[in-house]
Amino acid sequence: MTTLFAPDRQGSDSNKWRRYDSDVLPLWVADMDFAADPQITHSIRARLDHGVLGYGRATPQQRDVLVRAMARDFGWTIDPEWLVFLPGVEPGFNMALSAFTPHDGAVMQELPVYAPLRAAPSHWGLRQHGVWQVQAGGDHWISDTNAMERAAKDSDALLLCNPQNPTGRVYTRSELENRAELCLRHNMVVISDEIHCGMVLDGRKHIPIASLSSQIAARSVTLMAASKTWNVPGLKTAFAIVPDAGLRARFEAARHGMVDSVNILGLTGMCAAYDLCTEWRDTIRITLQANRDLLARRLAVLVPGARLVLPQAGFLAWIDFSALRLPCPAAEFFLTHARVALSGGTEFGSGLEGWARLNYGCTPKLLEQALKRIAAAVHMHMGEPD
């Protein structure tokens, strides 16, 4: 099994580690602390050795890497021409909204959700029909099917996040079939952010919604990247899979001079990840599953009033601190009193001041340290002995 290495990031160019003062433990942005697979950096160095860094685009060989990866990882057969390369998933779902929704149209999505996804409809003057997820017991979240039906009736697109951020939900086949059926029946395009798809835990399988049928594939834009799974977000490289030629042409036209071509070093690194680094990916899954379980055990002991539903994918934990009756939003409280930076709940939906998202993509030592600080701050707030 590959050995993971977590270098000291303090004093580096890391946004994660530079946003707050040096005494703050940063468990906020979706950026792990583990160094990338050396095969990725070796591939980038080899490309640099060529010496010419002119404008570039994906080669047939690079497209074939992704075609093979989709078949290997998801049993999904795609054609090379379906691929559209982008500098990020966020530009991708904004391009798709611009391309496929009418002015003053509406977008359906499930809340809480990743802040840029939540904000995207407003960039294009679109109404948002939000369907709130609720905890269903165990380690699962569900969305009310009647609420989804009502939202779908007046929506032009479904903006899907699978695996879901921040809840860590992995949609089942039946759940995806239900959403696909809504899209087909109500003439919606599905725009699916699947950036965390390589990090499903507990032996689960990720299912791209576009892989369900040729009918839903023809109404789909699927967005993926190596950035989260292989911890290379700074390479700013992603891709869309758009099977329908007409949809693909409209999607490409929505660049509007703002969404540029992909960095050639990012293309090299991304393709190395998908082609060569499955062992590193499997190791990170095992590591994250152990960190998640550590978080669940220690949080239950140290902060028993906090509620965590185990994430089914990724390295982000969605935690409800509402029962603690903190004097201010949870993330603000822990930043001030514990010197631990979390993502605030209201980034993901209104009325979520008592919630926060915690990034456990770090060393167990750092995670334990952060949890002890959080617990100490809670005990002080409640007037209990530490």
Protein backbone atom coordinates (compact mmCIF):
# COMPACT_ATOMS: atom_id res chain seq x y z
CA MET A 1 0.00 0.00 0.00
CA THR A 2 1.21 3.50 -0.82
CA THR A 3 2.57 5.56 2.07
CA LEU A 4 1.01 9.00 2.44
CA PHE A 5 3.15 11.98 3.37
CA ALA A 6 1.82 15.13 5.05
CA PRO A 7 4.44 17.91 4.79
CA ASP A 8 4.39 21.03 6.92
CA ARG A 9 2.32 23.59 5.00
CA GLN A 10 2.79 26.54 7.34
CA GLY A 11 4.68 29.33 5.62
CA SER A 12 3.93 27.88 2.17
CA ASP A 13 1.62 29.36 -0.47
CA SER A 14 -1.30 27.30 0.90
CA ASN A 15 -4.57 29.23 0.99
CA LYS A 16 -5.82 26.79 3.59
CA TRP A 17 -2.96 27.49 5.98
CA ARG A 18 -2.53 31.22 5.28
CA ARG A 19 -6.10 32.46 5.63
CA TYR A 20 -5.98 32.52 9.43
CA ASP A 21 -3.35 33.33 12.05
CA SER A 22 -0.62 30.74 12.57
CA ASP A 23 -2.14 29.51 15.85
CA VAL A 24 -5.36 28.44 14.10
CA LEU A 25 -5.81 24.82 13.03
CA PRO A 26 -7.36 25.02 9.53
CA LEU A 27 -10.05 22.40 8.95
CA TRP A 28 -12.16 24.43 6.56
CA VAL A 29 -11.60 24.46 2.78
CA ALA A 30 -11.78 21.16 0.83
CA ASP A 31 -8.02 20.72 0.51
CA MET A 32 -6.24 17.75 2.09
CA ASP A 33 -2.85 17.99 3.76
CA PHE A 34 -1.37 14.96 1.99
CA ALA A 35 1.26 15.31 -0.73
CA ALA A 36 0.24 14.18 -4.21
CA ASP A 37 1.32 10.83 -5.61
CA PRO A 38 4.95 11.19 -6.78
CA GLN A 39 3.90 9.83 -10.18
CA ILE A 40 1.88 13.00 -10.70
CA THR A 41 4.77 15.31 -9.91
CA HIS A 42 7.14 13.13 -11.96
CA SER A 43 4.83 13.44 -14.98
CA ILE A 44 4.72 17.21 -14.62
CA ARG A 45 8.52 17.39 -14.37
CA ALA A 46 8.84 15.26 -17.49
CA ARG A 47 6.52 17.63 -19.35
CA LEU A 48 8.58 20.61 -18.16
CA ASP A 49 11.70 18.96 -19.54
CA HIS A 50 10.23 19.38 -23.01
CA GLY A 51 10.97 23.07 -22.55
CA VAL A 52 8.19 24.60 -24.64
CA LEU A 53 5.15 25.73 -22.66
CA GLY A 54 2.93 27.10 -25.42
CA TYR A 55 -0.82 26.93 -25.77
CA GLY A 56 -2.05 23.36 -25.67
CA ARG A 57 -5.09 21.15 -25.69
CA ALA A 58 -5.80 17.58 -24.70
CA THR A 59 -4.18 14.97 -26.92
CA PRO A 60 -6.02 11.87 -28.15
CA GLN A 61 -3.92 9.86 -25.71
CA GLN A 62 -5.06 12.02 -22.78
CA ARG A 63 -8.70 11.66 -23.83
CA ASP A 64 -8.24 7.90 -23.99
CA VAL A 65 -6.94 7.89 -20.40
CA LEU A 66 -10.24 9.36 -19.20
CA VAL A 67 -12.30 7.04 -21.41
CA ARG A 68 -10.54 4.05 -19.84
CA ALA A 69 -10.90 5.49 -16.34
CA MET A 70 -14.69 5.89 -16.69
CA ALA A 71 -14.97 2.28 -17.83
CA ARG A 72 -12.65 0.98 -15.11
CA ASP A 73 -14.11 2.93 -12.20
CA PHE A 74 -17.81 3.18 -13.05
CA GLY A 75 -18.49 0.73 -15.87
CA TRP A 76 -19.45 3.74 -17.99
CA THR A 77 -18.60 3.67 -21.69
CA ILE A 78 -18.02 7.16 -23.06
CA ASP A 79 -16.67 8.46 -26.35
CA PRO A 80 -13.55 10.66 -26.44
CA GLU A 81 -15.39 13.48 -28.20
CA TRP A 82 -17.83 13.77 -25.29
CA LEU A 83 -15.04 15.31 -23.18
CA VAL A 84 -14.81 19.07 -22.71
CA PHE A 85 -11.79 20.30 -20.75
CA LEU A 86 -12.17 23.12 -18.23
CA PRO A 87 -10.09 25.03 -15.67
CA GLY A 88 -12.45 23.88 -12.92
CA VAL A 89 -15.77 22.30 -12.06
CA GLU A 90 -17.17 25.62 -10.83
CA PRO A 91 -16.77 27.29 -14.25
CA GLY A 92 -18.37 24.16 -15.68
CA PHE A 93 -21.64 24.32 -13.80
CA ASN A 94 -21.86 28.07 -14.35
CA MET A 95 -21.30 27.56 -18.10
CA ALA A 96 -24.04 24.93 -18.11
CA LEU A 97 -26.54 27.18 -16.35
CA SER A 98 -25.75 29.96 -18.80
CA ALA A 99 -26.15 27.61 -21.76
CA PHE A 100 -29.27 25.67 -20.83
CA THR A 101 -31.56 27.89 -18.75
CA PRO A 102 -33.72 30.78 -20.01
CA HIS A 103 -33.52 34.21 -18.43
CA ASP A 104 -35.55 34.21 -15.22
CA GLY A 105 -35.71 30.42 -15.38
CA ALA A 106 -35.43 28.18 -12.35
CA VAL A 107 -32.98 25.63 -10.99
CA MET A 108 -33.75 22.75 -8.66
CA GLN A 109 -31.13 21.60 -6.15
CA GLU A 110 -30.96 19.84 -2.82
CA LEU A 111 -29.91 21.80 0.25
CA PRO A 112 -27.67 22.25 2.14
CA VAL A 113 -25.16 22.37 -0.68
CA TYR A 114 -21.64 23.53 -1.54
CA ALA A 115 -21.62 27.35 -1.49
CA PRO A 116 -20.61 27.96 -5.16
CA LEU A 117 -23.36 25.58 -6.30
CA ARG A 118 -25.86 27.33 -4.08
CA ALA A 119 -24.84 30.74 -5.41
CA ALA A 120 -24.59 29.79 -9.09
CA PRO A 121 -28.27 30.31 -10.10
CA SER A 122 -28.17 33.92 -8.87
CA HIS A 123 -25.22 34.66 -11.18
CA TRP A 124 -27.54 34.13 -14.14
CA GLY A 125 -30.71 35.72 -12.79
CA LEU A 126 -32.28 32.34 -12.08
CA ARG A 127 -34.69 31.35 -9.36
CA GLN A 128 -33.70 28.54 -7.04
CA HIS A 129 -36.08 25.79 -6.01
CA GLY A 130 -34.35 24.24 -3.01
CA VAL A 131 -35.35 20.87 -1.59
CA TRP A 132 -34.03 20.32 1.91
CA GLN A 133 -32.37 17.03 2.80
CA VAL A 134 -33.14 15.52 6.20
CA GLN A 135 -31.38 12.91 8.28
CA ALA A 136 -33.05 9.52 7.88
CA GLY A 137 -31.28 7.66 10.65
CA GLY A 138 -28.10 5.67 10.38
CA ASP A 139 -25.65 7.29 8.00
CA HIS A 140 -28.05 8.50 5.34
CA TRP A 141 -29.82 11.64 4.21
CA ILE A 142 -33.01 11.75 2.16
CA SER A 143 -35.00 14.36 0.24
CA ASP A 144 -38.79 14.51 0.27
CA THR A 145 -40.06 13.13 -3.04
CA ASN A 146 -43.18 15.32 -3.01
CA ALA A 147 -41.04 18.44 -2.53
CA MET A 148 -38.82 17.31 -5.38
CA GLU A 149 -41.82 16.82 -7.65
CA ARG A 150 -43.10 20.32 -6.89
CA ALA A 151 -39.69 21.84 -7.53
CA ALA A 152 -39.19 19.92 -10.77
CA LYS A 153 -42.47 21.15 -12.25
CA ASP A 154 -41.16 24.71 -12.39
CA SER A 155 -37.46 24.09 -13.05
CA ASP A 156 -35.34 24.14 -16.20
CA ALA A 157 -32.35 22.29 -14.74
CA LEU A 158 -31.40 19.99 -11.90
CA LEU A 159 -28.12 21.04 -10.30
CA LEU A 160 -26.98 17.81 -8.65
CA CYS A 161 -24.05 17.27 -6.29
CA ASN A 162 -23.09 13.59 -6.04
CA PRO A 163 -21.39 12.68 -3.75
CA GLN A 164 -23.12 15.46 -1.87
CA ASN A 165 -21.26 18.33 -0.23
CA PRO A 166 -21.53 19.00 2.72
CA THR A 167 -23.53 15.96 3.88
CA GLY A 168 -21.23 13.33 2.36
CA ARG A 169 -24.25 11.56 0.88
CA VAL A 170 -23.73 9.01 -1.91
CA TYR A 171 -26.88 8.65 -3.97
CA THR A 172 -28.18 5.13 -4.51
CA ARG A 173 -29.17 3.85 -7.92
CA SER A 174 -32.87 4.14 -7.09
CA GLU A 175 -32.41 7.72 -5.87
CA LEU A 176 -30.61 8.65 -9.08
CA GLU A 177 -33.23 6.92 -11.19
CA ASN A 178 -35.88 9.00 -9.44
CA ARG A 179 -34.01 12.22 -10.26
CA ALA A 180 -33.39 11.13 -13.84
CA GLU A 181 -37.09 10.36 -14.27
CA LEU A 182 -37.97 13.85 -12.97
CA CYS A 183 -35.58 15.42 -15.49
CA LEU A 184 -37.03 13.47 -18.39
CA ARG A 185 -40.64 14.05 -17.41
CA HIS A 186 -40.22 17.77 -16.73
CA ASN A 187 -37.78 18.50 -19.56
CA MET A 188 -34.88 19.46 -17.29
CA VAL A 189 -31.18 19.28 -18.07
CA VAL A 190 -29.19 17.59 -15.31
CA ILE A 191 -25.91 19.31 -14.40
CA SER A 192 -24.09 16.93 -12.10
CA ASP A 193 -21.08 17.96 -10.00
CA GLU A 194 -19.32 14.64 -9.30
CA ILE A 195 -15.96 16.00 -8.17
CA HIS A 196 -15.84 13.79 -5.04
CA CYS A 197 -16.76 10.61 -6.92
CA GLY A 198 -13.36 8.95 -6.47
CA MET A 199 -13.59 9.06 -2.68
CA VAL A 200 -16.58 6.86 -1.81
CA LEU A 201 -16.07 5.01 1.46
CA ASP A 202 -17.07 1.69 3.06
CA GLY A 203 -16.87 -0.16 -0.25
CA ARG A 204 -19.65 1.89 -1.87
CA LYS A 205 -19.82 2.45 -5.61
CA HIS A 206 -20.31 5.80 -7.26
CA ILE A 207 -22.87 5.87 -10.07
CA PRO A 208 -22.70 8.75 -12.58
CA ILE A 209 -26.30 9.77 -13.21
CA ALA A 210 -25.60 10.01 -16.94
CA SER A 211 -24.64 6.33 -16.99
CA LEU A 212 -28.18 5.23 -16.11
CA SER A 213 -29.60 5.40 -19.64
CA SER A 214 -29.06 6.92 -23.06
CA GLN A 215 -32.12 9.09 -22.46
CA ILE A 216 -30.75 10.84 -19.38
CA ALA A 217 -27.24 10.94 -20.90
CA ALA A 218 -28.67 13.02 -23.75
CA ARG A 219 -29.84 15.61 -21.21
CA SER A 220 -26.73 15.66 -19.04
CA VAL A 221 -23.52 17.50 -18.26
CA THR A 222 -21.30 15.54 -15.86
CA LEU A 223 -18.44 17.41 -14.19
CA MET A 224 -15.38 15.65 -12.75
CA ALA A 225 -11.76 16.37 -11.84
CA ALA A 226 -8.74 14.76 -10.22
CA SER A 227 -8.53 17.69 -7.82
CA LYS A 228 -10.27 16.26 -4.73
CA THR A 229 -9.49 12.55 -5.04
CA TRP A 230 -5.77 13.03 -5.73
CA ASN A 231 -5.43 16.34 -3.84
CA VAL A 232 -4.29 18.46 -6.79
CA PRO A 233 -6.83 21.35 -6.76
CA GLY A 234 -4.09 23.87 -7.49
CA LEU A 235 -3.65 22.36 -10.97
CA LYS A 236 -6.98 23.98 -11.91
CA THR A 237 -8.02 21.28 -14.36
CA ALA A 238 -11.36 19.52 -14.80
CA PHE A 239 -13.54 18.04 -17.51
CA ALA A 240 -17.16 17.75 -18.50
CA ILE A 241 -18.73 14.71 -20.14
CA VAL A 242 -21.49 15.85 -22.51
CA PRO A 243 -22.77 12.97 -24.66
CA ASP A 244 -25.23 14.91 -26.83
CA ALA A 245 -23.53 16.79 -29.68
CA GLY A 246 -26.05 19.63 -29.72
CA LEU A 247 -25.86 20.11 -25.96
CA ARG A 248 -22.07 19.98 -26.18
CA ALA A 249 -21.95 22.73 -28.80
CA ARG A 250 -24.17 24.98 -26.68
CA PHE A 251 -22.04 24.23 -23.62
CA GLU A 252 -18.81 25.14 -25.44
CA ALA A 253 -20.40 28.36 -26.73
CA ALA A 254 -21.16 29.42 -23.16
CA ARG A 255 -17.49 30.11 -22.41
CA HIS A 256 -18.27 33.76 -23.31
CA GLY A 257 -14.58 34.64 -23.43
CA MET A 258 -14.34 34.07 -19.66
CA VAL A 259 -13.64 30.34 -19.31
CA ASP A 260 -10.24 29.78 -20.88
CA SER A 261 -8.40 26.69 -22.00
CA VAL A 262 -6.77 24.30 -19.55
CA ASN A 263 -3.24 24.62 -18.22
CA ILE A 264 -1.04 22.11 -20.02
CA LEU A 265 0.66 21.05 -16.77
CA GLY A 266 -2.75 20.52 -15.22
CA LEU A 267 -3.71 18.24 -18.10
CA THR A 268 -0.53 16.25 -17.62
CA GLY A 269 -1.03 15.91 -13.87
CA MET A 270 -4.71 15.02 -14.16
CA CYS A 271 -4.12 12.30 -16.72
CA ALA A 272 -1.26 10.85 -14.68
CA ALA A 273 -3.61 10.66 -11.70
CA TYR A 274 -6.34 8.78 -13.56
CA ASP A 275 -3.89 6.55 -15.42
CA LEU A 276 -1.22 5.72 -12.85
CA CYS A 277 -2.41 6.52 -9.35
CA THR A 278 -5.22 4.14 -8.45
CA GLU A 279 -3.14 2.68 -5.59
CA TRP A 280 -2.71 6.16 -4.06
CA ARG A 281 -6.46 6.71 -4.42
CA ASP A 282 -7.22 3.41 -2.69
CA THR A 283 -4.83 4.33 0.13
CA ILE A 284 -6.44 7.72 0.66
CA ARG A 285 -9.85 6.08 0.89
CA ILE A 286 -8.62 3.80 3.66
CA THR A 287 -6.96 6.73 5.44
CA LEU A 288 -10.04 8.93 5.22
CA GLN A 289 -12.32 6.16 6.41
CA ALA A 290 -10.09 5.71 9.47
CA ASN A 291 -10.04 9.48 10.09
CA ARG A 292 -13.82 9.68 9.73
CA ASP A 293 -14.30 6.88 12.24
CA LEU A 294 -11.82 8.51 14.62
CA LEU A 295 -13.77 11.76 14.32
CA ALA A 296 -17.06 10.01 15.08
CA ARG A 297 -15.67 8.18 18.13
CA ARG A 298 -13.85 11.13 19.65
CA LEU A 299 -16.59 13.66 18.95
CA ALA A 300 -19.12 11.43 20.72
CA VAL A 301 -16.86 11.31 23.79
CA LEU A 302 -15.51 14.85 23.82
CA VAL A 303 -18.56 16.78 22.60
CA PRO A 304 -21.57 14.50 23.17
CA GLY A 305 -24.01 17.29 22.29
CA ALA A 306 -22.73 17.45 18.71
CA ARG A 307 -24.47 15.37 16.03
CA LEU A 308 -22.61 13.80 13.13
CA VAL A 309 -24.07 11.57 10.43
CA LEU A 310 -21.15 9.55 9.05
CA PRO A 311 -20.10 10.82 5.62
CA GLN A 312 -20.38 8.15 2.95
CA ALA A 313 -17.72 9.79 0.79
CA GLY A 314 -14.97 12.38 0.85
CA PHE A 315 -13.22 14.10 3.71
CA LEU A 316 -15.83 16.63 4.85
CA ALA A 317 -18.00 16.12 7.93
CA TRP A 318 -21.28 17.99 8.39
CA ILE A 319 -21.83 18.51 12.12
CA ASP A 320 -24.80 19.91 14.04
CA PHE A 321 -23.72 21.85 17.13
CA SER A 322 -27.16 23.41 17.67
CA ALA A 323 -27.87 21.54 20.90
CA LEU A 324 -24.89 23.24 22.54
CA ARG A 325 -26.67 26.62 22.32
CA LEU A 326 -23.49 28.47 21.46
CA PRO A 327 -23.65 32.28 21.76
CA CYS A 328 -22.82 32.83 18.07
CA PRO A 329 -22.61 30.74 14.88
CA ALA A 330 -20.70 27.53 15.50
CA ALA A 331 -17.82 28.23 13.11
CA GLU A 332 -17.36 31.71 14.55
CA PHE A 333 -17.41 30.33 18.10
CA PHE A 334 -14.77 27.69 17.43
CA LEU A 335 -12.53 30.08 15.55
CA THR A 336 -12.62 32.58 18.43
CA HIS A 337 -12.57 30.24 21.40
CA ALA A 338 -10.86 27.09 20.11
CA ARG A 339 -8.67 28.56 17.36
CA VAL A 340 -10.01 25.95 14.95
CA ALA A 341 -11.25 27.10 11.53
CA LEU A 342 -14.33 25.31 10.19
CA SER A 343 -16.64 26.21 7.30
CA GLY A 344 -19.73 28.00 8.59
CA GLY A 345 -23.11 26.36 8.16
CA THR A 346 -24.76 29.36 6.51
CA GLU A 347 -22.37 29.01 3.56
CA PHE A 348 -24.44 25.95 2.61
CA GLY A 349 -27.96 27.19 3.34
CA SER A 350 -29.88 29.74 5.35
CA GLY A 351 -30.69 29.15 9.00
CA LEU A 352 -27.73 26.83 9.60
CA GLU A 353 -25.81 28.90 12.16
CA GLY A 354 -25.56 25.90 14.48
CA TRP A 355 -23.92 23.72 11.84
CA ALA A 356 -20.33 23.61 10.59
CA ARG A 357 -18.32 21.57 8.09
CA LEU A 358 -15.06 20.00 9.27
CA ASN A 359 -12.30 18.80 6.93
CA TYR A 360 -10.76 15.57 8.27
CA GLY A 361 -8.35 15.21 5.33
CA CYS A 362 -5.38 15.70 7.66
CA THR A 363 -3.19 13.69 9.99
CA PRO A 364 -4.91 11.92 12.91
CA LYS A 365 -2.68 13.93 15.24
CA LEU A 366 -3.97 17.24 13.89
CA LEU A 367 -7.55 16.00 13.97
CA GLU A 368 -7.23 14.90 17.60
CA GLN A 369 -5.68 18.23 18.53
CA ALA A 370 -8.52 20.14 16.91
CA LEU A 371 -11.19 18.03 18.61
CA LYS A 372 -9.60 18.60 22.02
CA ARG A 373 -9.59 22.35 21.41
CA ILE A 374 -13.24 22.23 20.33
CA ALA A 375 -14.17 20.22 23.42
CA ALA A 376 -12.31 22.60 25.74
CA ALA A 377 -14.12 25.60 24.25
CA VAL A 378 -17.49 23.87 24.68
CA HIS A 379 -16.78 22.93 28.31
CA MET A 380 -15.74 26.50 29.08
CA HIS A 381 -18.92 27.82 27.47
CA MET A 382 -21.04 25.45 29.55
CA GLY A 383 -19.11 26.16 32.74
CA GLU A 384 -18.00 22.55 33.03
CA PRO A 385 -14.57 21.34 34.14
CA ASP A 386 -12.29 20.58 31.19
